[in-house]
Amino acid sequence: DTTEEIDKLRRGGDGHIVVWGGVSFWRSLMRLDLIDEFRLDLHPYVAGEGTRLFDDVPKSYRLDLVSSTEFSNGTVGLQYRRHR
């Protein structure tokens, strides 16, 4: 069970878990309400099609901007925390 495994990881470390994965994995964590912080890189490119990150999200989330970093190539790094 994903929720149990995440709880084990939280208890076994410093409470922070960093995950990388595809959109399906990310959505499964969102459905289980297991994401506290989002770090996204916004690239200066508009794709007319493809997988949308926030499709099929079960509920709305209010996010608080923690930081934003602009890079020389036009990419912007965004860090948000869930407002709880």
Foldseek 3Di string as FASTA:
>chain_A
DVVVVLVVVCVVDVNDDDDDDDLVVVLVCQQVVNDFKDKDKDAPDDDPDDDDNPPPRPDDWDWDWDDWDADPNGIIITMIGTDD
